[in-house]
Amino acid sequence: MAFGILLGLVHFAHQPIGNSLIAQYTTSENRGLGYGISFFLSFGLGSFAAGIGGSLAESHGVQVVFPFVAIFMGCAFLLALYLRKIS
């Protein structure tokens, strides 16, 4: 029980920080769009990760999932650097 409570606190601790960053870096006209994009990426596209990871694990083995995630995160990091540079 204590582990579940601790996990919940740690897992959801990033949400206030993320929401305050969205509020800080968006204009008042685009704030709703910023929150919408954030929630879509977190809960919309993020929900496919379990299915894709499970499919990869079933077809190629669990050892394939981690390099796939590392490559995906590397691409996301490079995209973030590019977007930061052009803005």
PDB file of N, CA and C in Angstrom:
ATOM      1  N   MET A   1       0.823  -1.191   0.000  1.00  0.00           N
ATOM      2  CA  MET A   1       0.000   0.000   0.000  1.00  0.00           C
ATOM      3  C   MET A   1       0.871   1.260   0.000  1.00  0.00           C
ATOM      4  N   ALA A   2       1.886   1.268   0.841  1.00  0.00           N
ATOM      5  CA  ALA A   2       2.759   2.441   0.915  1.00  0.00           C
ATOM      6  C   ALA A   2       3.504   2.642  -0.397  1.00  0.00           C
ATOM      7  N   PHE A   3       3.914   1.533  -1.029  1.00  0.00           N
ATOM      8  CA  PHE A   3       4.611   1.647  -2.310  1.00  0.00           C
ATOM      9  C   PHE A   3       3.695   2.245  -3.369  1.00  0.00           C
ATOM     10  N   GLY A   4       2.436   1.851  -3.381  1.00  0.00           N
ATOM     11  CA  GLY A   4       1.481   2.402  -4.342  1.00  0.00           C
ATOM     12  C   GLY A   4       1.278   3.893  -4.164  1.00  0.00           C
ATOM     13  N   ILE A   5       1.194   4.332  -2.942  1.00  0.00           N
ATOM     14  CA  ILE A   5       1.044   5.763  -2.669  1.00  0.00           C
ATOM     15  C   ILE A   5       2.294   6.519  -3.106  1.00  0.00           C
ATOM     16  N   LEU A   6       3.465   5.976  -2.783  1.00  0.00           N
ATOM     17  CA  LEU A   6       4.717   6.615  -3.177  1.00  0.00           C
ATOM     18  C   LEU A   6       4.851   6.673  -4.694  1.00  0.00           C
ATOM     19  N   LEU A   7       4.498   5.587  -5.360  1.00  0.00           N
ATOM     20  CA  LEU A   7       4.558   5.563  -6.820  1.00  0.00           C
ATOM     21  C   LEU A   7       3.627   6.612  -7.424  1.00  0.00           C
ATOM     22  N   GLY A   8       2.429   6.740  -6.885  1.00  0.00           N
ATOM     23  CA  GLY A   8       1.501   7.750  -7.376  1.00  0.00           C
ATOM     24  C   GLY A   8       2.029   9.161  -7.196  1.00  0.00           C
ATOM     25  N   LEU A   9       2.629   9.431  -6.059  1.00  0.00           N
ATOM     26  CA  LEU A   9       3.189  10.764  -5.817  1.00  0.00           C
ATOM     27  C   LEU A   9       4.344  11.071  -6.755  1.00  0.00           C
ATOM     28  N   VAL A  10       5.224  10.113  -6.946  1.00  0.00           N
ATOM     29  CA  VAL A  10       6.386  10.335  -7.804  1.00  0.00           C
ATOM     30  C   VAL A  10       5.970  10.418  -9.269  1.00  0.00           C
ATOM     31  N   HIS A  11       5.048   9.555  -9.662  1.00  0.00           N
ATOM     32  CA  HIS A  11       4.648   9.506 -11.071  1.00  0.00           C
ATOM     33  C   HIS A  11       3.942  10.788 -11.513  1.00  0.00           C
ATOM     34  N   PHE A  12       3.125  11.341 -10.664  1.00  0.00           N
ATOM     35  CA  PHE A  12       2.355  12.522 -11.049  1.00  0.00           C
ATOM     36  C   PHE A  12       3.003  13.833 -10.606  1.00  0.00           C
ATOM     37  N   ALA A  13       4.222  13.798 -10.106  1.00  0.00           N
ATOM     38  CA  ALA A  13       4.890  15.012  -9.638  1.00  0.00           C
ATOM     39  C   ALA A  13       5.280  15.934 -10.781  1.00  0.00           C
ATOM     40  N   HIS A  14       5.428  15.421 -11.981  1.00  0.00           N
ATOM     41  CA  HIS A  14       5.868  16.257 -13.100  1.00  0.00           C
ATOM     42  C   HIS A  14       4.743  17.102 -13.696  1.00  0.00           C
ATOM     43  N   GLN A  15       3.497  16.756 -13.444  1.00  0.00           N
ATOM     44  CA  GLN A  15       2.389  17.472 -14.073  1.00  0.00           C
ATOM     45  C   GLN A  15       2.310  18.947 -13.684  1.00  0.00           C
ATOM     46  N   PRO A  16       2.418  19.323 -12.423  1.00  0.00           N
ATOM     47  CA  PRO A  16       2.381  20.766 -12.118  1.00  0.00           C
ATOM     48  C   PRO A  16       3.527  21.533 -12.761  1.00  0.00           C
ATOM     49  N   ILE A  17       4.697  20.914 -12.823  1.00  0.00           N
ATOM     50  CA  ILE A  17       5.845  21.581 -13.441  1.00  0.00           C
ATOM     51  C   ILE A  17       5.599  21.776 -14.930  1.00  0.00           C
ATOM     52  N   GLY A  18       5.137  20.730 -15.603  1.00  0.00           N
ATOM     53  CA  GLY A  18       4.861  20.828 -17.037  1.00  0.00           C
ATOM     54  C   GLY A  18       3.774  21.840 -17.345  1.00  0.00           C
ATOM     55  N   ASN A  19       2.719  21.840 -16.541  1.00  0.00           N
ATOM     56  CA  ASN A  19       1.636  22.796 -16.768  1.00  0.00           C
ATOM     57  C   ASN A  19       2.095  24.233 -16.546  1.00  0.00           C
ATOM     58  N   SER A  20       2.935  24.455 -15.546  1.00  0.00           N
ATOM     59  CA  SER A  20       3.417  25.823 -15.324  1.00  0.00           C
ATOM     60  C   SER A  20       4.365  26.262 -16.439  1.00  0.00           C
ATOM     61  N   LEU A  21       5.150  25.328 -17.000  1.00  0.00           N
ATOM     62  CA  LEU A  21       6.016  25.687 -18.126  1.00  0.00           C
ATOM     63  C   LEU A  21       5.201  26.035 -19.368  1.00  0.00           C
ATOM     64  N   ILE A  22       4.126  25.295 -19.614  1.00  0.00           N
ATOM     65  CA  ILE A  22       3.259  25.618 -20.750  1.00  0.00           C
ATOM     66  C   ILE A  22       2.650  27.004 -20.556  1.00  0.00           C
ATOM     67  N   ALA A  23       2.192  27.292 -19.346  1.00  0.00           N
ATOM     68  CA  ALA A  23       1.605  28.606 -19.069  1.00  0.00           C
ATOM     69  C   ALA A  23       2.635  29.719 -19.217  1.00  0.00           C
ATOM     70  N   GLN A  24       3.873  29.443 -18.857  1.00  0.00           N
ATOM     71  CA  GLN A  24       4.916  30.466 -18.917  1.00  0.00           C
ATOM     72  C   GLN A  24       5.344  30.756 -20.352  1.00  0.00           C
ATOM     73  N   TYR A  25       5.424  29.731 -21.196  1.00  0.00           N
ATOM     74  CA  TYR A  25       6.000  29.904 -22.530  1.00  0.00           C
ATOM     75  C   TYR A  25       4.974  30.031 -23.650  1.00  0.00           C
ATOM     76  N   THR A  26       3.698  30.107 -23.334  1.00  0.00           N
ATOM     77  CA  THR A  26       2.686  30.348 -24.362  1.00  0.00           C
ATOM     78  C   THR A  26       1.979  31.662 -24.073  1.00  0.00           C
ATOM     79  N   THR A  27       1.484  32.281 -25.131  1.00  0.00           N
ATOM     80  CA  THR A  27       0.698  33.498 -24.946  1.00  0.00           C
ATOM     81  C   THR A  27      -0.688  33.114 -24.454  1.00  0.00           C
ATOM     82  N   SER A  28      -1.407  34.077 -23.925  1.00  0.00           N
ATOM     83  CA  SER A  28      -2.743  33.768 -23.406  1.00  0.00           C
ATOM     84  C   SER A  28      -3.685  33.310 -24.513  1.00  0.00           C
ATOM     85  N   GLU A  29      -3.452  33.764 -25.750  1.00  0.00           N
ATOM     86  CA  GLU A  29      -4.299  33.335 -26.868  1.00  0.00           C
ATOM     87  C   GLU A  29      -4.035  31.881 -27.255  1.00  0.00           C
ATOM     88  N   ASN A  30      -2.805  31.415 -27.084  1.00  0.00           N
ATOM     89  CA  ASN A  30      -2.434  30.064 -27.506  1.00  0.00           C
ATOM     90  C   ASN A  30      -2.279  29.086 -26.349  1.00  0.00           C
ATOM     91  N   ARG A  31      -2.636  29.482 -25.154  1.00  0.00           N
ATOM     92  CA  ARG A  31      -2.437  28.614 -23.997  1.00  0.00           C
ATOM     93  C   ARG A  31      -3.277  27.347 -24.086  1.00  0.00           C
ATOM     94  N   GLY A  32      -4.499  27.461 -24.528  1.00  0.00           N
ATOM     95  CA  GLY A  32      -5.348  26.279 -24.683  1.00  0.00           C
ATOM     96  C   GLY A  32      -4.780  25.310 -25.705  1.00  0.00           C
ATOM     97  N   LEU A  33      -4.241  25.845 -26.791  1.00  0.00           N
ATOM     98  CA  LEU A  33      -3.603  25.003 -27.804  1.00  0.00           C
ATOM     99  C   LEU A  33      -2.378  24.300 -27.223  1.00  0.00           C
ATOM    100  N   GLY A  34      -1.602  25.013 -26.424  1.00  0.00           N
ATOM    101  CA  GLY A  34      -0.428  24.405 -25.791  1.00  0.00           C
ATOM    102  C   GLY A  34      -0.802  23.258 -24.871  1.00  0.00           C
ATOM    103  N   TYR A  35      -1.829  23.466 -24.043  1.00  0.00           N
ATOM    104  CA  TYR A  35      -2.289  22.389 -23.167  1.00  0.00           C
ATOM    105  C   TYR A  35      -2.862  21.232 -23.984  1.00  0.00           C
ATOM    106  N   GLY A  36      -3.594  21.550 -25.029  1.00  0.00           N
ATOM    107  CA  GLY A  36      -4.172  20.497 -25.870  1.00  0.00           C
ATOM    108  C   GLY A  36      -3.112  19.636 -26.528  1.00  0.00           C
ATOM    109  N   ILE A  37      -2.077  20.267 -27.065  1.00  0.00           N
ATOM    110  CA  ILE A  37      -0.991  19.506 -27.689  1.00  0.00           C
ATOM    111  C   ILE A  37      -0.277  18.658 -26.643  1.00  0.00           C
ATOM    112  N   SER A  38      -0.033  19.223 -25.474  1.00  0.00           N
ATOM    113  CA  SER A  38       0.646  18.475 -24.416  1.00  0.00           C
ATOM    114  C   SER A  38      -0.154  17.243 -24.000  1.00  0.00           C
ATOM    115  N   PHE A  39      -1.441  17.413 -23.772  1.00  0.00           N
ATOM    116  CA  PHE A  39      -2.261  16.281 -23.344  1.00  0.00           C
ATOM    117  C   PHE A  39      -2.444  15.267 -24.461  1.00  0.00           C
ATOM    118  N   PHE A  40      -2.529  15.731 -25.714  1.00  0.00           N
ATOM    119  CA  PHE A  40      -2.645  14.798 -26.838  1.00  0.00           C
ATOM    120  C   PHE A  40      -1.394  13.938 -26.958  1.00  0.00           C
ATOM    121  N   LEU A  41      -0.221  14.568 -26.843  1.00  0.00           N
ATOM    122  CA  LEU A  41       1.018  13.801 -26.948  1.00  0.00           C
ATOM    123  C   LEU A  41       1.189  12.851 -25.769  1.00  0.00           C
ATOM    124  N   SER A  42       0.765  13.272 -24.582  1.00  0.00           N
ATOM    125  CA  SER A  42       0.919  12.422 -23.399  1.00  0.00           C
ATOM    126  C   SER A  42      -0.060  11.260 -23.389  1.00  0.00           C
ATOM    127  N   PHE A  43      -1.323  11.564 -23.573  1.00  0.00           N
ATOM    128  CA  PHE A  43      -2.348  10.544 -23.401  1.00  0.00           C
ATOM    129  C   PHE A  43      -2.841   9.960 -24.717  1.00  0.00           C
ATOM    130  N   GLY A  44      -2.745  10.711 -25.798  1.00  0.00           N
ATOM    131  CA  GLY A  44      -3.204  10.213 -27.095  1.00  0.00           C
ATOM    132  C   GLY A  44      -2.173   9.335 -27.757  1.00  0.00           C
ATOM    133  N   LEU A  45      -1.055   9.935 -28.143  1.00  0.00           N
ATOM    134  CA  LEU A  45       0.005   9.160 -28.792  1.00  0.00           C
ATOM    135  C   LEU A  45       0.739   8.268 -27.805  1.00  0.00           C
ATOM    136  N   GLY A  46       0.870   8.716 -26.575  1.00  0.00           N
ATOM    137  CA  GLY A  46       1.559   7.918 -25.566  1.00  0.00           C
ATOM    138  C   GLY A  46       0.874   6.604 -25.269  1.00  0.00           C
ATOM    139  N   SER A  47      -0.434   6.545 -25.483  1.00  0.00           N
ATOM    140  CA  SER A  47      -1.151   5.301 -25.220  1.00  0.00           C
ATOM    141  C   SER A  47      -0.809   4.209 -26.220  1.00  0.00           C
ATOM    142  N   PHE A  48      -0.286   4.584 -27.374  1.00  0.00           N
ATOM    143  CA  PHE A  48       0.102   3.579 -28.364  1.00  0.00           C
ATOM    144  C   PHE A  48       1.425   2.900 -28.014  1.00  0.00           C
ATOM    145  N   ALA A  49       2.195   3.471 -27.106  1.00  0.00           N
ATOM    146  CA  ALA A  49       3.512   2.923 -26.771  1.00  0.00           C
ATOM    147  C   ALA A  49       3.409   1.511 -26.212  1.00  0.00           C
ATOM    148  N   ALA A  50       2.418   1.254 -25.384  1.00  0.00           N
ATOM    149  CA  ALA A  50       2.272  -0.089 -24.817  1.00  0.00           C
ATOM    150  C   ALA A  50       1.951  -1.105 -25.902  1.00  0.00           C
ATOM    151  N   GLY A  51       1.097  -0.743 -26.830  1.00  0.00           N
ATOM    152  CA  GLY A  51       0.766  -1.658 -27.921  1.00  0.00           C
ATOM    153  C   GLY A  51       1.938  -1.921 -28.844  1.00  0.00           C
ATOM    154  N   ILE A  52       2.663  -0.871 -29.183  1.00  0.00           N
ATOM    155  CA  ILE A  52       3.824  -1.028 -30.062  1.00  0.00           C
ATOM    156  C   ILE A  52       4.909  -1.838 -29.357  1.00  0.00           C
ATOM    157  N   GLY A  53       5.167  -1.523 -28.099  1.00  0.00           N
ATOM    158  CA  GLY A  53       6.166  -2.275 -27.336  1.00  0.00           C
ATOM    159  C   GLY A  53       5.783  -3.732 -27.175  1.00  0.00           C
ATOM    160  N   GLY A  54       4.518  -3.992 -26.899  1.00  0.00           N
ATOM    161  CA  GLY A  54       4.057  -5.374 -26.780  1.00  0.00           C
ATOM    162  C   GLY A  54       4.143  -6.126 -28.086  1.00  0.00           C
ATOM    163  N   SER A  55       3.798  -5.470 -29.171  1.00  0.00           N
ATOM    164  CA  SER A  55       3.889  -6.098 -30.487  1.00  0.00           C
ATOM    165  C   SER A  55       5.336  -6.425 -30.845  1.00  0.00           C
ATOM    166  N   LEU A  56       6.244  -5.493 -30.578  1.00  0.00           N
ATOM    167  CA  LEU A  56       7.665  -5.757 -30.825  1.00  0.00           C
ATOM    168  C   LEU A  56       8.175  -6.901 -29.955  1.00  0.00           C
ATOM    169  N   ALA A  57       7.771  -6.922 -28.690  1.00  0.00           N
ATOM    170  CA  ALA A  57       8.218  -7.980 -27.787  1.00  0.00           C
ATOM    171  C   ALA A  57       7.688  -9.340 -28.222  1.00  0.00           C
ATOM    172  N   GLU A  58       6.449  -9.388 -28.688  1.00  0.00           N
ATOM    173  CA  GLU A  58       5.876 -10.658 -29.139  1.00  0.00           C
ATOM    174  C   GLU A  58       6.523 -11.161 -30.418  1.00  0.00           C
ATOM    175  N   SER A  59       6.800 -10.262 -31.344  1.00  0.00           N
ATOM    176  CA  SER A  59       7.311 -10.696 -32.646  1.00  0.00           C
ATOM    177  C   SER A  59       8.828 -10.866 -32.676  1.00  0.00           C
ATOM    178  N   HIS A  60       9.568 -10.037 -31.924  1.00  0.00           N
ATOM    179  CA  HIS A  60      11.030 -10.074 -32.014  1.00  0.00           C
ATOM    180  C   HIS A  60      11.724 -10.324 -30.681  1.00  0.00           C
ATOM    181  N   GLY A  61      10.995 -10.312 -29.588  1.00  0.00           N
ATOM    182  CA  GLY A  61      11.593 -10.513 -28.268  1.00  0.00           C
ATOM    183  C   GLY A  61      11.729  -9.202 -27.514  1.00  0.00           C
ATOM    184  N   VAL A  62      11.789  -9.331 -26.208  1.00  0.00           N
ATOM    185  CA  VAL A  62      11.845  -8.153 -25.343  1.00  0.00           C
ATOM    186  C   VAL A  62      13.123  -7.347 -25.575  1.00  0.00           C
ATOM    187  N   GLN A  63      14.195  -8.015 -25.955  1.00  0.00           N
ATOM    188  CA  GLN A  63      15.472  -7.323 -26.132  1.00  0.00           C
ATOM    189  C   GLN A  63      15.431  -6.304 -27.259  1.00  0.00           C
ATOM    190  N   VAL A  64      14.441  -6.361 -28.147  1.00  0.00           N
ATOM    191  CA  VAL A  64      14.330  -5.411 -29.258  1.00  0.00           C
ATOM    192  C   VAL A  64      13.633  -4.125 -28.812  1.00  0.00           C
ATOM    193  N   VAL A  65      12.816  -4.211 -27.787  1.00  0.00           N
ATOM    194  CA  VAL A  65      12.009  -3.060 -27.363  1.00  0.00           C
ATOM    195  C   VAL A  65      12.897  -1.909 -26.890  1.00  0.00           C
ATOM    196  N   PHE A  66      13.898  -2.186 -26.098  1.00  0.00           N
ATOM    197  CA  PHE A  66      14.712  -1.129 -25.501  1.00  0.00           C
ATOM    198  C   PHE A  66      15.542  -0.366 -26.527  1.00  0.00           C
ATOM    199  N   PRO A  67      16.204  -1.026 -27.486  1.00  0.00           N
ATOM    200  CA  PRO A  67      16.886  -0.242 -28.527  1.00  0.00           C
ATOM    201  C   PRO A  67      15.916   0.591 -29.369  1.00  0.00           C
ATOM    202  N   PHE A  68      14.719   0.051 -29.627  1.00  0.00           N
ATOM    203  CA  PHE A  68      13.714   0.802 -30.379  1.00  0.00           C
ATOM    204  C   PHE A  68      13.332   2.076 -29.631  1.00  0.00           C
ATOM    205  N   VAL A  69      13.103   1.959 -28.339  1.00  0.00           N
ATOM    206  CA  VAL A  69      12.741   3.127 -27.532  1.00  0.00           C
ATOM    207  C   VAL A  69      13.903   4.119 -27.481  1.00  0.00           C
ATOM    208  N   ALA A  70      15.129   3.620 -27.383  1.00  0.00           N
ATOM    209  CA  ALA A  70      16.298   4.504 -27.350  1.00  0.00           C
ATOM    210  C   ALA A  70      16.439   5.272 -28.660  1.00  0.00           C
ATOM    211  N   ILE A  71      16.231   4.602 -29.782  1.00  0.00           N
ATOM    212  CA  ILE A  71      16.306   5.276 -31.084  1.00  0.00           C
ATOM    213  C   ILE A  71      15.197   6.317 -31.203  1.00  0.00           C
ATOM    214  N   PHE A  72      14.001   5.963 -30.776  1.00  0.00           N
ATOM    215  CA  PHE A  72      12.869   6.887 -30.828  1.00  0.00           C
ATOM    216  C   PHE A  72      13.138   8.122 -29.972  1.00  0.00           C
ATOM    217  N   MET A  73      13.670   7.917 -28.761  1.00  0.00           N
ATOM    218  CA  MET A  73      13.966   9.050 -27.883  1.00  0.00           C
ATOM    219  C   MET A  73      15.105   9.895 -28.435  1.00  0.00           C
ATOM    220  N   GLY A  74      16.071   9.269 -29.092  1.00  0.00           N
ATOM    221  CA  GLY A  74      17.145  10.029 -29.731  1.00  0.00           C
ATOM    222  C   GLY A  74      16.612  10.933 -30.822  1.00  0.00           C
ATOM    223  N   CYS A  75      15.691  10.407 -31.620  1.00  0.00           N
ATOM    224  CA  CYS A  75      15.066  11.223 -32.674  1.00  0.00           C
ATOM    225  C   CYS A  75      14.260  12.369 -32.064  1.00  0.00           C
ATOM    226  N   ALA A  76      13.544  12.095 -30.981  1.00  0.00           N
ATOM    227  CA  ALA A  76      12.774  13.142 -30.311  1.00  0.00           C
ATOM    228  C   ALA A  76      13.696  14.221 -29.743  1.00  0.00           C
ATOM    229  N   PHE A  77      14.840  13.815 -29.209  1.00  0.00           N
ATOM    230  CA  PHE A  77      15.809  14.773 -28.677  1.00  0.00           C
ATOM    231  C   PHE A  77      16.362  15.660 -29.784  1.00  0.00           C
ATOM    232  N   LEU A  78      16.712  15.057 -30.920  1.00  0.00           N
ATOM    233  CA  LEU A  78      17.222  15.847 -32.045  1.00  0.00           C
ATOM    234  C   LEU A  78      16.165  16.807 -32.570  1.00  0.00           C
ATOM    235  N   LEU A  79      14.916  16.367 -32.620  1.00  0.00           N
ATOM    236  CA  LEU A  79      13.831  17.246 -33.039  1.00  0.00           C
ATOM    237  C   LEU A  79      13.666  18.410 -32.063  1.00  0.00           C
ATOM    238  N   ALA A  80      13.770  18.138 -30.774  1.00  0.00           N
ATOM    239  CA  ALA A  80      13.664  19.206 -29.772  1.00  0.00           C
ATOM    240  C   ALA A  80      14.794  20.219 -29.925  1.00  0.00           C
ATOM    241  N   LEU A  81      16.005  19.736 -30.176  1.00  0.00           N
ATOM    242  CA  LEU A  81      17.120  20.661 -30.400  1.00  0.00           C
ATOM    243  C   LEU A  81      16.890  21.521 -31.635  1.00  0.00           C
ATOM    244  N   TYR A  82      16.392  20.911 -32.696  1.00  0.00           N
ATOM    245  CA  TYR A  82      16.112  21.652 -33.929  1.00  0.00           C
ATOM    246  C   TYR A  82      15.029  22.704 -33.698  1.00  0.00           C
ATOM    247  N   LEU A  83      13.958  22.322 -33.026  1.00  0.00           N
ATOM    248  CA  LEU A  83      12.873  23.270 -32.768  1.00  0.00           C
ATOM    249  C   LEU A  83      13.339  24.414 -31.872  1.00  0.00           C
ATOM    250  N   ARG A  84      14.212  24.109 -30.934  1.00  0.00           N
ATOM    251  CA  ARG A  84      14.742  25.166 -30.068  1.00  0.00           C
ATOM    252  C   ARG A  84      15.613  26.132 -30.863  1.00  0.00           C
ATOM    253  N   LYS A  85      16.351  25.596 -31.835  1.00  0.00           N
ATOM    254  CA  LYS A  85      17.243  26.429 -32.638  1.00  0.00           C
ATOM    255  C   LYS A  85      16.461  27.371 -33.554  1.00  0.00           C
ATOM    256  N   ILE A  86      15.370  26.899 -34.153  1.00  0.00           N
ATOM    257  CA  ILE A  86      14.637  27.733 -35.108  1.00  0.00           C
ATOM    258  C   ILE A  86      13.690  28.710 -34.426  1.00  0.00           C
ATOM    259  N   SER A  87      13.430  28.541 -33.138  1.00  0.00           N
ATOM    260  CA  SER A  87      12.479  29.464 -32.490  1.00  0.00           C
ATOM    261  C   SER A  87      13.150  30.628 -31.828  1.00  0.00           C
TER     262      SER A  87
END
